[in-house]
Amino acid sequence: MKLSEFTARRRQRAEEKARAKHQQDRRRHHPEEKARAKHQQDRRRHHPEVAEEADRLLSAVPFGSMRPEEAWLKAWRSVHGSDTRSAA
């Protein structure tokens, strides 16, 4: 590989990394994302046994094959014996 190719690839990776960080920062400071993060934190704090079960479910399946929300719903049913929609 030539030095110019190496430099170009390095510059491209740096630009991609900066762009990804900028998008992440924008999402983090978006009001809806803040509210979602607070909800998730509160839910885990108020229902630790469900959170523990959801973590177990996620660790038992191949990475990416189950969404965290799906794991939470299955854990809720396992712990409480009912759907979250009927518990409210």
N, C-alpha and C. Protein backbone atom coordinates (compact mmCIF):
# COMPACT_ATOMS: atom_id res chain seq x y z
N MET A 1 0.85 -1.17 0.00
CA MET A 1 0.00 0.00 0.00
C MET A 1 0.90 1.24 0.00
N LYS A 2 0.54 2.18 -0.82
CA LYS A 2 1.31 3.41 -0.92
C LYS A 2 0.97 4.32 0.26
N LEU A 3 1.90 5.20 0.57
CA LEU A 3 1.70 6.13 1.67
C LEU A 3 0.49 7.02 1.45
N SER A 4 0.27 7.44 0.20
CA SER A 4 -0.87 8.31 -0.09
C SER A 4 -2.20 7.57 0.11
N GLU A 5 -2.25 6.28 -0.23
CA GLU A 5 -3.46 5.48 0.00
C GLU A 5 -3.71 5.32 1.49
N PHE A 6 -2.64 5.06 2.22
CA PHE A 6 -2.75 4.91 3.66
C PHE A 6 -3.26 6.20 4.30
N THR A 7 -2.72 7.32 3.89
CA THR A 7 -3.13 8.62 4.43
C THR A 7 -4.59 8.90 4.09
N ALA A 8 -4.99 8.59 2.86
CA ALA A 8 -6.38 8.84 2.45
C ALA A 8 -7.34 7.97 3.26
N ARG A 9 -7.00 6.71 3.46
CA ARG A 9 -7.87 5.83 4.25
C ARG A 9 -7.94 6.29 5.70
N ARG A 10 -6.81 6.71 6.20
CA ARG A 10 -6.78 7.19 7.59
C ARG A 10 -7.65 8.43 7.76
N ARG A 11 -7.55 9.35 6.80
CA ARG A 11 -8.36 10.57 6.83
C ARG A 11 -9.85 10.22 6.73
N GLN A 12 -10.19 9.26 5.85
CA GLN A 12 -11.58 8.86 5.68
C GLN A 12 -12.13 8.24 6.96
N ARG A 13 -11.33 7.37 7.61
CA ARG A 13 -11.78 6.77 8.87
C ARG A 13 -11.99 7.82 9.94
N ALA A 14 -11.10 8.81 9.99
CA ALA A 14 -11.24 9.88 10.98
C ALA A 14 -12.51 10.69 10.73
N GLU A 15 -12.81 10.97 9.47
CA GLU A 15 -14.03 11.71 9.13
C GLU A 15 -15.28 10.90 9.49
N GLU A 16 -15.28 9.60 9.20
CA GLU A 16 -16.42 8.75 9.54
C GLU A 16 -16.62 8.68 11.05
N LYS A 17 -15.53 8.59 11.77
CA LYS A 17 -15.60 8.53 13.23
C LYS A 17 -16.16 9.84 13.79
N ALA A 18 -15.70 10.96 13.26
CA ALA A 18 -16.19 12.27 13.72
C ALA A 18 -17.67 12.42 13.40
N ARG A 19 -18.09 11.98 12.21
CA ARG A 19 -19.50 12.07 11.83
C ARG A 19 -20.37 11.21 12.75
N ALA A 20 -19.91 10.00 13.06
CA ALA A 20 -20.67 9.11 13.95
C ALA A 20 -20.77 9.70 15.35
N LYS A 21 -19.69 10.30 15.84
CA LYS A 21 -19.72 10.91 17.17
C LYS A 21 -20.68 12.09 17.20
N HIS A 22 -20.68 12.89 16.14
CA HIS A 22 -21.59 14.03 16.07
C HIS A 22 -23.05 13.56 16.11
N GLN A 23 -23.37 12.51 15.35
CA GLN A 23 -24.73 11.98 15.36
C GLN A 23 -25.10 11.43 16.72
N GLN A 24 -24.17 10.76 17.37
CA GLN A 24 -24.42 10.21 18.71
C GLN A 24 -24.68 11.34 19.70
N ASP A 25 -23.88 12.40 19.64
CA ASP A 25 -24.07 13.54 20.54
C ASP A 25 -25.42 14.21 20.30
N ARG A 26 -25.81 14.34 19.03
CA ARG A 26 -27.11 14.94 18.72
C ARG A 26 -28.24 14.11 19.30
N ARG A 27 -28.15 12.78 19.16
CA ARG A 27 -29.21 11.92 19.70
C ARG A 27 -29.24 11.99 21.21
N ARG A 28 -28.07 12.04 21.82
CA ARG A 28 -28.00 12.03 23.29
C ARG A 28 -28.66 13.27 23.88
N HIS A 29 -28.55 14.41 23.20
CA HIS A 29 -29.07 15.65 23.74
C HIS A 29 -30.48 15.97 23.23
N HIS A 30 -31.04 15.12 22.43
CA HIS A 30 -32.39 15.30 21.93
C HIS A 30 -33.37 15.04 23.08
N PRO A 31 -34.36 15.88 23.28
CA PRO A 31 -35.29 15.72 24.41
C PRO A 31 -35.97 14.35 24.47
N GLU A 32 -36.35 13.83 23.32
CA GLU A 32 -37.02 12.52 23.31
C GLU A 32 -36.06 11.42 23.77
N GLU A 33 -34.80 11.50 23.35
CA GLU A 33 -33.82 10.51 23.78
C GLU A 33 -33.54 10.61 25.27
N LYS A 34 -33.52 11.82 25.79
CA LYS A 34 -33.33 12.00 27.23
C LYS A 34 -34.49 11.37 28.00
N ALA A 35 -35.71 11.60 27.52
CA ALA A 35 -36.89 11.04 28.17
C ALA A 35 -36.88 9.52 28.10
N ARG A 36 -36.46 8.98 26.96
CA ARG A 36 -36.40 7.52 26.80
C ARG A 36 -35.37 6.92 27.76
N ALA A 37 -34.22 7.56 27.88
CA ALA A 37 -33.17 7.07 28.77
C ALA A 37 -33.64 7.12 30.22
N LYS A 38 -34.34 8.18 30.60
CA LYS A 38 -34.85 8.30 31.98
C LYS A 38 -35.90 7.22 32.25
N HIS A 39 -36.77 6.99 31.28
CA HIS A 39 -37.80 5.96 31.44
C HIS A 39 -37.15 4.59 31.64
N GLN A 40 -36.14 4.29 30.82
CA GLN A 40 -35.47 3.01 30.93
C GLN A 40 -34.78 2.88 32.29
N GLN A 41 -34.13 3.94 32.74
CA GLN A 41 -33.46 3.91 34.03
C GLN A 41 -34.47 3.72 35.17
N ASP A 42 -35.58 4.44 35.12
CA ASP A 42 -36.62 4.31 36.15
C ASP A 42 -37.22 2.91 36.15
N ARG A 43 -37.49 2.41 34.97
CA ARG A 43 -38.10 1.09 34.85
C ARG A 43 -37.19 0.01 35.44
N ARG A 44 -35.90 0.09 35.15
CA ARG A 44 -34.95 -0.88 35.71
C ARG A 44 -34.85 -0.74 37.23
N ARG A 45 -34.91 0.48 37.73
CA ARG A 45 -34.81 0.70 39.17
C ARG A 45 -36.07 0.22 39.90
N HIS A 46 -37.23 0.46 39.32
CA HIS A 46 -38.49 0.08 39.97
C HIS A 46 -38.81 -1.40 39.85
N HIS A 47 -38.26 -2.06 38.85
CA HIS A 47 -38.56 -3.47 38.61
C HIS A 47 -37.26 -4.26 38.43
N PRO A 48 -36.44 -4.37 39.48
CA PRO A 48 -35.13 -5.02 39.34
C PRO A 48 -35.20 -6.50 38.96
N GLU A 49 -36.22 -7.21 39.43
CA GLU A 49 -36.31 -8.63 39.10
C GLU A 49 -36.63 -8.83 37.62
N VAL A 50 -37.42 -7.93 37.05
CA VAL A 50 -37.73 -8.01 35.62
C VAL A 50 -36.48 -7.65 34.81
N ALA A 51 -35.77 -6.63 35.26
CA ALA A 51 -34.54 -6.21 34.58
C ALA A 51 -33.51 -7.34 34.57
N GLU A 52 -33.39 -8.03 35.69
CA GLU A 52 -32.44 -9.14 35.79
C GLU A 52 -32.82 -10.27 34.83
N GLU A 53 -34.10 -10.58 34.78
CA GLU A 53 -34.57 -11.63 33.88
C GLU A 53 -34.38 -11.23 32.42
N ALA A 54 -34.64 -9.96 32.10
CA ALA A 54 -34.45 -9.48 30.72
C ALA A 54 -32.97 -9.56 30.33
N ASP A 55 -32.09 -9.22 31.25
CA ASP A 55 -30.66 -9.33 30.99
C ASP A 55 -30.26 -10.78 30.73
N ARG A 56 -30.84 -11.70 31.51
CA ARG A 56 -30.55 -13.13 31.31
C ARG A 56 -31.01 -13.59 29.93
N LEU A 57 -32.20 -13.15 29.54
CA LEU A 57 -32.73 -13.53 28.22
C LEU A 57 -31.82 -13.01 27.11
N LEU A 58 -31.41 -11.76 27.21
CA LEU A 58 -30.56 -11.18 26.17
C LEU A 58 -29.21 -11.87 26.09
N SER A 59 -28.69 -12.30 27.23
CA SER A 59 -27.38 -12.95 27.21
C SER A 59 -27.48 -14.40 26.71
N ALA A 60 -28.67 -14.97 26.70
CA ALA A 60 -28.84 -16.37 26.31
C ALA A 60 -29.03 -16.55 24.81
N VAL A 61 -29.39 -15.50 24.11
CA VAL A 61 -29.64 -15.60 22.67
C VAL A 61 -28.48 -14.99 21.88
N PRO A 62 -28.34 -15.34 20.61
CA PRO A 62 -27.29 -14.72 19.80
C PRO A 62 -27.46 -13.20 19.75
N PHE A 63 -26.33 -12.50 19.73
CA PHE A 63 -26.35 -11.04 19.75
C PHE A 63 -27.18 -10.48 18.60
N GLY A 64 -28.08 -9.57 18.93
CA GLY A 64 -28.90 -8.91 17.93
C GLY A 64 -30.14 -9.67 17.50
N SER A 65 -30.33 -10.89 18.01
CA SER A 65 -31.49 -11.67 17.57
C SER A 65 -32.76 -11.33 18.36
N MET A 66 -32.61 -10.60 19.47
CA MET A 66 -33.77 -10.18 20.27
C MET A 66 -33.60 -8.72 20.66
N ARG A 67 -34.65 -7.96 20.45
CA ARG A 67 -34.61 -6.56 20.85
C ARG A 67 -34.75 -6.46 22.36
N PRO A 68 -34.13 -5.46 23.00
CA PRO A 68 -34.27 -5.31 24.45
C PRO A 68 -35.72 -5.16 24.90
N GLU A 69 -36.54 -4.49 24.10
CA GLU A 69 -37.96 -4.31 24.46
C GLU A 69 -38.70 -5.66 24.47
N GLU A 70 -38.35 -6.51 23.52
CA GLU A 70 -38.95 -7.85 23.46
C GLU A 70 -38.51 -8.68 24.68
N ALA A 71 -37.24 -8.55 25.06
CA ALA A 71 -36.74 -9.27 26.24
C ALA A 71 -37.45 -8.77 27.49
N TRP A 72 -37.67 -7.46 27.58
CA TRP A 72 -38.36 -6.91 28.75
C TRP A 72 -39.79 -7.47 28.84
N LEU A 73 -40.49 -7.52 27.73
CA LEU A 73 -41.86 -8.02 27.71
C LEU A 73 -41.91 -9.49 28.13
N LYS A 74 -40.98 -10.31 27.61
CA LYS A 74 -40.95 -11.72 27.99
C LYS A 74 -40.59 -11.87 29.47
N ALA A 75 -39.67 -11.05 29.95
CA ALA A 75 -39.28 -11.11 31.36
C ALA A 75 -40.45 -10.69 32.25
N TRP A 76 -41.19 -9.68 31.83
CA TRP A 76 -42.34 -9.22 32.61
C TRP A 76 -43.37 -10.35 32.73
N ARG A 77 -43.63 -11.01 31.60
CA ARG A 77 -44.58 -12.12 31.62
C ARG A 77 -44.09 -13.25 32.52
N SER A 78 -42.80 -13.50 32.49
CA SER A 78 -42.22 -14.56 33.32
C SER A 78 -42.33 -14.23 34.81
N VAL A 79 -42.05 -12.99 35.17
CA VAL A 79 -42.05 -12.59 36.58
C VAL A 79 -43.47 -12.35 37.10
N HIS A 80 -44.28 -11.63 36.32
CA HIS A 80 -45.61 -11.24 36.78
C HIS A 80 -46.75 -12.08 36.23
N GLY A 81 -46.48 -12.89 35.23
CA GLY A 81 -47.50 -13.77 34.69
C GLY A 81 -48.54 -13.07 33.84
N SER A 82 -48.27 -11.85 33.40
CA SER A 82 -49.23 -11.15 32.56
C SER A 82 -48.50 -10.19 31.63
N ASP A 83 -49.22 -9.64 30.70
CA ASP A 83 -48.70 -8.69 29.75
C ASP A 83 -48.58 -7.32 30.42
N THR A 84 -47.62 -6.49 30.00
CA THR A 84 -47.44 -5.16 30.59
C THR A 84 -48.64 -4.27 30.32
N ARG A 85 -49.34 -4.46 29.21
CA ARG A 85 -50.47 -3.61 28.88
C ARG A 85 -51.64 -3.85 29.82
N SER A 86 -51.77 -5.06 30.35
CA SER A 86 -52.88 -5.34 31.25
C SER A 86 -52.54 -5.02 32.70
N ALA A 87 -51.26 -4.72 32.99
CA ALA A 87 -50.84 -4.45 34.37
C ALA A 87 -51.11 -3.01 34.77
N ALA A 88 -51.33 -2.13 33.82
CA ALA A 88 -51.49 -0.70 34.14
C ALA A 88 -52.87 -0.35 34.61
